[in-house]
Amino acid sequence: MAQSLHSQECASDQRPMTLKIERTSGKRRTRIRLSGEFRSELLDQVKAEIERGGPRVGLDLEEVDLVDVEGVRFLNACEADGISVLRCSPYIREWMSRERGRPKARTRKRKKERASLEDEDGKHV
């Protein structure tokens, strides 16, 4: 089992941000357990642990208290890459769902709709 503790000073109120990372390897899967505040400043450390974990990795978020938008986007990218996101709080799961609901495809769709309302000269009809 590997364990690391990452702490950084927060510029606004000088309160340390701490994320504890524990890696447990089993026969079938590696579980990476995160505890504390999961913020964008610590994404590189979490990515490194995922890479060390091998092909079947799960992120256990049961003890994550706080996450920022970049952390949520990272979690969505993990799921898209086949990494399980386990035991996260309902507010994080809901936020992940909302972020997935904002795909770039929507803006492309709007552009297509606008284009269909234009004639060959680009004028609105």
N, C-alpha and C. Protein backbone atom coordinates (compact mmCIF):
# COMPACT_ATOMS: atom_id res chain seq x y z
N MET A 1 0.85 -1.18 0.00
CA MET A 1 0.00 0.00 0.00
C MET A 1 0.89 1.23 0.00
N ALA A 2 0.62 2.13 -0.91
CA ALA A 2 1.35 3.39 -0.97
C ALA A 2 0.47 4.47 -0.39
N GLN A 3 1.11 5.40 0.28
CA GLN A 3 0.34 6.48 0.88
C GLN A 3 1.13 7.76 0.74
N SER A 4 0.46 8.82 0.39
CA SER A 4 1.12 10.12 0.33
C SER A 4 0.15 11.19 0.80
N LEU A 5 0.71 12.27 1.27
CA LEU A 5 -0.08 13.38 1.77
C LEU A 5 0.42 14.63 1.07
N HIS A 6 -0.45 15.31 0.37
CA HIS A 6 -0.08 16.50 -0.36
C HIS A 6 -0.73 17.70 0.31
N SER A 7 0.09 18.71 0.59
CA SER A 7 -0.42 19.91 1.23
C SER A 7 0.12 21.13 0.51
N GLN A 8 -0.75 22.11 0.27
CA GLN A 8 -0.34 23.36 -0.34
C GLN A 8 -1.00 24.50 0.41
N GLU A 9 -0.32 25.63 0.45
CA GLU A 9 -0.89 26.80 1.09
C GLU A 9 -1.90 27.46 0.17
N CYS A 10 -2.99 27.87 0.71
CA CYS A 10 -4.03 28.58 -0.04
C CYS A 10 -3.75 30.07 0.10
N ALA A 11 -3.58 30.76 -1.01
CA ALA A 11 -3.19 32.17 -0.98
C ALA A 11 -4.22 33.07 -0.29
N SER A 12 -5.51 32.76 -0.43
CA SER A 12 -6.54 33.67 0.07
C SER A 12 -6.61 33.72 1.59
N ASP A 13 -6.52 32.60 2.26
CA ASP A 13 -6.65 32.65 3.72
C ASP A 13 -5.54 31.89 4.44
N GLN A 14 -4.51 31.48 3.70
CA GLN A 14 -3.35 30.79 4.25
C GLN A 14 -3.69 29.50 4.99
N ARG A 15 -4.84 28.91 4.67
CA ARG A 15 -5.23 27.63 5.24
C ARG A 15 -4.66 26.53 4.35
N PRO A 16 -4.00 25.52 4.89
CA PRO A 16 -3.44 24.50 4.02
C PRO A 16 -4.53 23.64 3.38
N MET A 17 -4.31 23.31 2.11
CA MET A 17 -5.19 22.40 1.41
C MET A 17 -4.51 21.04 1.46
N THR A 18 -5.19 20.03 1.91
CA THR A 18 -4.57 18.74 2.06
C THR A 18 -5.39 17.67 1.35
N LEU A 19 -4.68 16.82 0.63
CA LEU A 19 -5.29 15.66 -0.01
C LEU A 19 -4.43 14.45 0.34
N LYS A 20 -5.05 13.49 0.94
CA LYS A 20 -4.36 12.24 1.27
C LYS A 20 -4.67 11.25 0.16
N ILE A 21 -3.64 10.59 -0.34
CA ILE A 21 -3.80 9.61 -1.41
C ILE A 21 -3.25 8.28 -0.93
N GLU A 22 -4.10 7.25 -0.96
CA GLU A 22 -3.68 5.90 -0.58
C GLU A 22 -3.93 4.97 -1.75
N ARG A 23 -2.94 4.19 -2.11
CA ARG A 23 -3.09 3.24 -3.21
C ARG A 23 -3.02 1.83 -2.63
N THR A 24 -4.05 1.04 -2.92
CA THR A 24 -4.11 -0.35 -2.48
C THR A 24 -4.25 -1.23 -3.71
N SER A 25 -3.32 -2.15 -3.89
CA SER A 25 -3.37 -3.03 -5.04
C SER A 25 -3.87 -4.40 -4.63
N GLY A 26 -4.86 -4.88 -5.37
CA GLY A 26 -5.38 -6.22 -5.15
C GLY A 26 -5.08 -7.09 -6.36
N LYS A 27 -5.67 -8.27 -6.39
CA LYS A 27 -5.44 -9.18 -7.51
C LYS A 27 -6.07 -8.66 -8.80
N ARG A 28 -7.24 -8.05 -8.68
CA ARG A 28 -7.98 -7.63 -9.87
C ARG A 28 -7.94 -6.13 -10.14
N ARG A 29 -7.74 -5.34 -9.11
CA ARG A 29 -7.89 -3.90 -9.28
C ARG A 29 -7.01 -3.15 -8.29
N THR A 30 -6.63 -1.95 -8.68
CA THR A 30 -5.94 -1.03 -7.79
C THR A 30 -6.93 0.04 -7.39
N ARG A 31 -7.04 0.26 -6.09
CA ARG A 31 -7.94 1.29 -5.59
C ARG A 31 -7.09 2.46 -5.08
N ILE A 32 -7.44 3.65 -5.56
CA ILE A 32 -6.79 4.86 -5.10
C ILE A 32 -7.81 5.63 -4.29
N ARG A 33 -7.54 5.72 -3.02
CA ARG A 33 -8.48 6.37 -2.09
C ARG A 33 -8.02 7.79 -1.83
N LEU A 34 -8.91 8.74 -2.08
CA LEU A 34 -8.62 10.15 -1.85
C LEU A 34 -9.37 10.62 -0.62
N SER A 35 -8.70 11.41 0.21
CA SER A 35 -9.33 11.97 1.41
C SER A 35 -8.96 13.44 1.51
N GLY A 36 -9.97 14.28 1.75
CA GLY A 36 -9.71 15.70 1.95
C GLY A 36 -10.21 16.54 0.80
N GLU A 37 -9.38 17.50 0.38
CA GLU A 37 -9.77 18.47 -0.64
C GLU A 37 -9.11 18.12 -1.97
N PHE A 38 -9.94 17.83 -2.97
CA PHE A 38 -9.45 17.45 -4.29
C PHE A 38 -9.56 18.66 -5.21
N ARG A 39 -8.44 19.34 -5.39
CA ARG A 39 -8.41 20.58 -6.17
C ARG A 39 -7.47 20.45 -7.37
N SER A 40 -7.64 21.35 -8.30
CA SER A 40 -6.89 21.29 -9.56
C SER A 40 -5.37 21.31 -9.34
N GLU A 41 -4.90 21.96 -8.29
CA GLU A 41 -3.47 22.02 -8.02
C GLU A 41 -2.86 20.64 -7.77
N LEU A 42 -3.70 19.68 -7.42
CA LEU A 42 -3.21 18.35 -7.06
C LEU A 42 -3.50 17.29 -8.12
N LEU A 43 -4.03 17.71 -9.27
CA LEU A 43 -4.38 16.74 -10.31
C LEU A 43 -3.18 15.94 -10.80
N ASP A 44 -2.02 16.58 -10.91
CA ASP A 44 -0.84 15.87 -11.38
C ASP A 44 -0.46 14.72 -10.46
N GLN A 45 -0.58 14.93 -9.15
CA GLN A 45 -0.26 13.85 -8.21
C GLN A 45 -1.24 12.69 -8.36
N VAL A 46 -2.52 13.01 -8.54
CA VAL A 46 -3.53 11.96 -8.70
C VAL A 46 -3.31 11.22 -10.02
N LYS A 47 -3.00 11.95 -11.08
CA LYS A 47 -2.70 11.33 -12.38
C LYS A 47 -1.52 10.37 -12.26
N ALA A 48 -0.49 10.79 -11.54
CA ALA A 48 0.69 9.93 -11.35
C ALA A 48 0.32 8.64 -10.63
N GLU A 49 -0.52 8.74 -9.61
CA GLU A 49 -0.96 7.54 -8.88
C GLU A 49 -1.78 6.63 -9.78
N ILE A 50 -2.62 7.20 -10.62
CA ILE A 50 -3.42 6.40 -11.55
C ILE A 50 -2.50 5.65 -12.51
N GLU A 51 -1.48 6.34 -13.04
CA GLU A 51 -0.54 5.69 -13.95
C GLU A 51 0.21 4.55 -13.27
N ARG A 52 0.58 4.73 -12.01
CA ARG A 52 1.26 3.67 -11.25
C ARG A 52 0.34 2.49 -10.94
N GLY A 53 -0.96 2.77 -10.96
CA GLY A 53 -1.94 1.76 -10.56
C GLY A 53 -2.15 0.64 -11.55
N GLY A 54 -1.75 0.82 -12.78
CA GLY A 54 -1.94 -0.22 -13.77
C GLY A 54 -3.24 -0.07 -14.55
N PRO A 55 -3.62 -1.13 -15.26
CA PRO A 55 -4.74 -1.01 -16.19
C PRO A 55 -6.13 -0.94 -15.54
N ARG A 56 -6.32 -1.52 -14.37
CA ARG A 56 -7.65 -1.52 -13.73
C ARG A 56 -7.58 -0.73 -12.44
N VAL A 57 -7.99 0.52 -12.55
CA VAL A 57 -7.89 1.44 -11.41
C VAL A 57 -9.28 1.95 -11.06
N GLY A 58 -9.52 2.11 -9.77
CA GLY A 58 -10.74 2.74 -9.27
C GLY A 58 -10.37 3.86 -8.32
N LEU A 59 -11.05 4.98 -8.44
CA LEU A 59 -10.86 6.10 -7.52
C LEU A 59 -11.95 6.06 -6.46
N ASP A 60 -11.57 5.96 -5.22
CA ASP A 60 -12.50 5.92 -4.10
C ASP A 60 -12.55 7.31 -3.47
N LEU A 61 -13.71 7.96 -3.56
CA LEU A 61 -13.85 9.34 -3.10
C LEU A 61 -14.68 9.46 -1.83
N GLU A 62 -14.83 8.39 -1.11
CA GLU A 62 -15.71 8.42 0.06
C GLU A 62 -15.33 9.53 1.04
N GLU A 63 -14.05 9.83 1.18
CA GLU A 63 -13.62 10.81 2.16
C GLU A 63 -13.22 12.15 1.56
N VAL A 64 -13.66 12.43 0.34
CA VAL A 64 -13.38 13.74 -0.27
C VAL A 64 -14.41 14.74 0.23
N ASP A 65 -13.91 15.82 0.84
CA ASP A 65 -14.78 16.85 1.41
C ASP A 65 -15.12 17.93 0.42
N LEU A 66 -14.18 18.24 -0.46
CA LEU A 66 -14.30 19.39 -1.32
C LEU A 66 -13.67 19.08 -2.67
N VAL A 67 -14.28 19.56 -3.73
CA VAL A 67 -13.74 19.38 -5.07
C VAL A 67 -14.01 20.66 -5.85
N ASP A 68 -13.11 21.00 -6.78
CA ASP A 68 -13.36 22.17 -7.61
C ASP A 68 -13.77 21.73 -9.01
N VAL A 69 -14.11 22.67 -9.88
CA VAL A 69 -14.64 22.34 -11.19
C VAL A 69 -13.63 21.55 -12.02
N GLU A 70 -12.36 21.86 -11.92
CA GLU A 70 -11.36 21.10 -12.67
C GLU A 70 -11.27 19.67 -12.16
N GLY A 71 -11.45 19.49 -10.86
CA GLY A 71 -11.48 18.15 -10.30
C GLY A 71 -12.66 17.36 -10.82
N VAL A 72 -13.82 18.00 -10.92
CA VAL A 72 -15.02 17.35 -11.45
C VAL A 72 -14.81 16.96 -12.91
N ARG A 73 -14.25 17.86 -13.69
CA ARG A 73 -13.98 17.55 -15.10
C ARG A 73 -12.98 16.40 -15.23
N PHE A 74 -12.00 16.39 -14.34
CA PHE A 74 -11.03 15.30 -14.33
C PHE A 74 -11.71 13.97 -14.03
N LEU A 75 -12.62 13.97 -13.06
CA LEU A 75 -13.34 12.74 -12.71
C LEU A 75 -14.17 12.25 -13.88
N ASN A 76 -14.81 13.16 -14.60
CA ASN A 76 -15.57 12.76 -15.80
C ASN A 76 -14.65 12.17 -16.86
N ALA A 77 -13.47 12.77 -17.03
CA ALA A 77 -12.52 12.24 -18.00
C ALA A 77 -12.04 10.85 -17.57
N CYS A 78 -11.86 10.66 -16.27
CA CYS A 78 -11.46 9.34 -15.76
C CYS A 78 -12.52 8.30 -16.12
N GLU A 79 -13.77 8.60 -15.85
CA GLU A 79 -14.85 7.66 -16.18
C GLU A 79 -14.90 7.38 -17.67
N ALA A 80 -14.69 8.41 -18.48
CA ALA A 80 -14.69 8.23 -19.93
C ALA A 80 -13.55 7.32 -20.38
N ASP A 81 -12.46 7.31 -19.61
CA ASP A 81 -11.31 6.46 -19.91
C ASP A 81 -11.40 5.08 -19.27
N GLY A 82 -12.53 4.78 -18.63
CA GLY A 82 -12.72 3.46 -18.04
C GLY A 82 -12.25 3.32 -16.60
N ILE A 83 -11.93 4.43 -15.95
CA ILE A 83 -11.53 4.41 -14.55
C ILE A 83 -12.78 4.59 -13.70
N SER A 84 -13.02 3.66 -12.80
CA SER A 84 -14.21 3.72 -11.95
C SER A 84 -14.07 4.83 -10.90
N VAL A 85 -15.14 5.59 -10.72
CA VAL A 85 -15.21 6.58 -9.65
C VAL A 85 -16.18 6.01 -8.63
N LEU A 86 -15.64 5.64 -7.49
CA LEU A 86 -16.39 4.89 -6.48
C LEU A 86 -16.72 5.75 -5.27
N ARG A 87 -17.86 5.47 -4.68
CA ARG A 87 -18.29 6.01 -3.38
C ARG A 87 -18.11 7.52 -3.24
N CYS A 88 -18.48 8.27 -4.26
CA CYS A 88 -18.39 9.72 -4.12
C CYS A 88 -19.72 10.25 -3.60
N SER A 89 -19.67 11.42 -3.02
CA SER A 89 -20.87 12.00 -2.41
C SER A 89 -21.88 12.36 -3.49
N PRO A 90 -23.14 12.43 -3.11
CA PRO A 90 -24.18 12.79 -4.08
C PRO A 90 -23.95 14.15 -4.74
N TYR A 91 -23.39 15.12 -3.99
CA TYR A 91 -23.19 16.44 -4.60
C TYR A 91 -22.12 16.38 -5.68
N ILE A 92 -21.08 15.57 -5.50
CA ILE A 92 -20.04 15.43 -6.52
C ILE A 92 -20.61 14.70 -7.73
N ARG A 93 -21.37 13.64 -7.50
CA ARG A 93 -21.97 12.88 -8.60
C ARG A 93 -22.92 13.76 -9.42
N GLU A 94 -23.71 14.58 -8.72
CA GLU A 94 -24.63 15.49 -9.41
C GLU A 94 -23.86 16.52 -10.23
N TRP A 95 -22.79 17.05 -9.67
CA TRP A 95 -21.97 18.03 -10.36
C TRP A 95 -21.31 17.41 -11.60
N MET A 96 -20.85 16.19 -11.46
CA MET A 96 -20.27 15.47 -12.60
C MET A 96 -21.31 15.34 -13.71
N SER A 97 -22.52 14.98 -13.33
CA SER A 97 -23.59 14.82 -14.29
C SER A 97 -23.89 16.14 -15.01
N ARG A 98 -23.93 17.22 -14.25
CA ARG A 98 -24.20 18.53 -14.85
C ARG A 98 -23.09 18.95 -15.81
N GLU A 99 -21.85 18.67 -15.44
CA GLU A 99 -20.73 19.01 -16.32
C GLU A 99 -20.79 18.20 -17.61
N ARG A 100 -21.19 16.94 -17.51
CA ARG A 100 -21.33 16.11 -18.71
C ARG A 100 -22.47 16.63 -19.58
N GLY A 101 -23.45 17.27 -18.96
CA GLY A 101 -24.59 17.81 -19.69
C GLY A 101 -24.28 19.07 -20.47
N ARG A 102 -23.05 19.54 -20.38
CA ARG A 102 -22.63 20.74 -21.10
C ARG A 102 -21.63 20.40 -22.19
N PRO A 103 -21.98 19.49 -23.07
CA PRO A 103 -20.99 19.09 -24.08
C PRO A 103 -20.77 20.19 -25.11
N LYS A 104 -19.62 20.14 -25.73
CA LYS A 104 -19.31 21.09 -26.79
C LYS A 104 -20.21 20.86 -27.98
N ALA A 105 -20.80 19.69 -28.07
CA ALA A 105 -21.71 19.38 -29.18
C ALA A 105 -22.89 20.34 -29.23
N ARG A 106 -23.29 20.85 -28.07
CA ARG A 106 -24.40 21.81 -28.05
C ARG A 106 -24.07 23.05 -28.86
N THR A 107 -22.85 23.56 -28.70
CA THR A 107 -22.49 24.76 -29.46
C THR A 107 -22.42 24.44 -30.94
N ARG A 108 -21.94 23.26 -31.29
CA ARG A 108 -21.92 22.86 -32.69
C ARG A 108 -23.33 22.75 -33.23
N LYS A 109 -24.24 22.22 -32.41
CA LYS A 109 -25.62 22.07 -32.84
C LYS A 109 -26.24 23.44 -33.10
N ARG A 110 -25.97 24.39 -32.21
CA ARG A 110 -26.51 25.74 -32.41
C ARG A 110 -25.96 26.36 -33.68
N LYS A 111 -24.68 26.15 -33.97
CA LYS A 111 -24.10 26.69 -35.19
C LYS A 111 -24.77 26.07 -36.41
N LYS A 112 -25.04 24.75 -36.34
CA LYS A 112 -25.72 24.08 -37.44
C LYS A 112 -27.12 24.63 -37.62
N GLU A 113 -27.82 24.88 -36.50
CA GLU A 113 -29.17 25.43 -36.59
C GLU A 113 -29.14 26.82 -37.22
N ARG A 114 -28.16 27.64 -36.81
CA ARG A 114 -28.04 28.97 -37.39
C ARG A 114 -27.73 28.88 -38.88
N ALA A 115 -26.85 27.96 -39.24
CA ALA A 115 -26.47 27.81 -40.65
C ALA A 115 -27.67 27.38 -41.49
N SER A 116 -28.54 26.54 -40.92
CA SER A 116 -29.70 26.09 -41.67
C SER A 116 -30.72 27.22 -41.88
N LEU A 117 -30.62 28.26 -41.08
CA LEU A 117 -31.53 29.41 -41.23
C LEU A 117 -30.97 30.46 -42.19
N GLU A 118 -29.78 30.18 -42.74
CA GLU A 118 -29.18 31.13 -43.67
C GLU A 118 -29.30 30.59 -45.10
N ASP A 119 -29.41 31.52 -46.03
CA ASP A 119 -29.44 31.10 -47.43
C ASP A 119 -28.00 30.95 -47.94
N GLU A 120 -27.83 30.75 -49.21
CA GLU A 120 -26.51 30.52 -49.78
C GLU A 120 -25.55 31.69 -49.59
N ASP A 121 -26.07 32.90 -49.49
CA ASP A 121 -25.24 34.09 -49.31
C ASP A 121 -24.93 34.39 -47.84
N GLY A 122 -25.40 33.54 -46.93
CA GLY A 122 -25.17 33.74 -45.51
C GLY A 122 -26.15 34.67 -44.86
N LYS A 123 -27.22 35.02 -45.57
CA LYS A 123 -28.24 35.91 -45.00
C LYS A 123 -29.31 35.07 -44.32
N HIS A 124 -29.78 35.61 -43.20
CA HIS A 124 -30.85 34.90 -42.47
C HIS A 124 -32.13 34.90 -43.26
N VAL A 125 -32.82 33.76 -43.28
CA VAL A 125 -34.10 33.66 -44.00
C VAL A 125 -35.24 33.52 -43.04
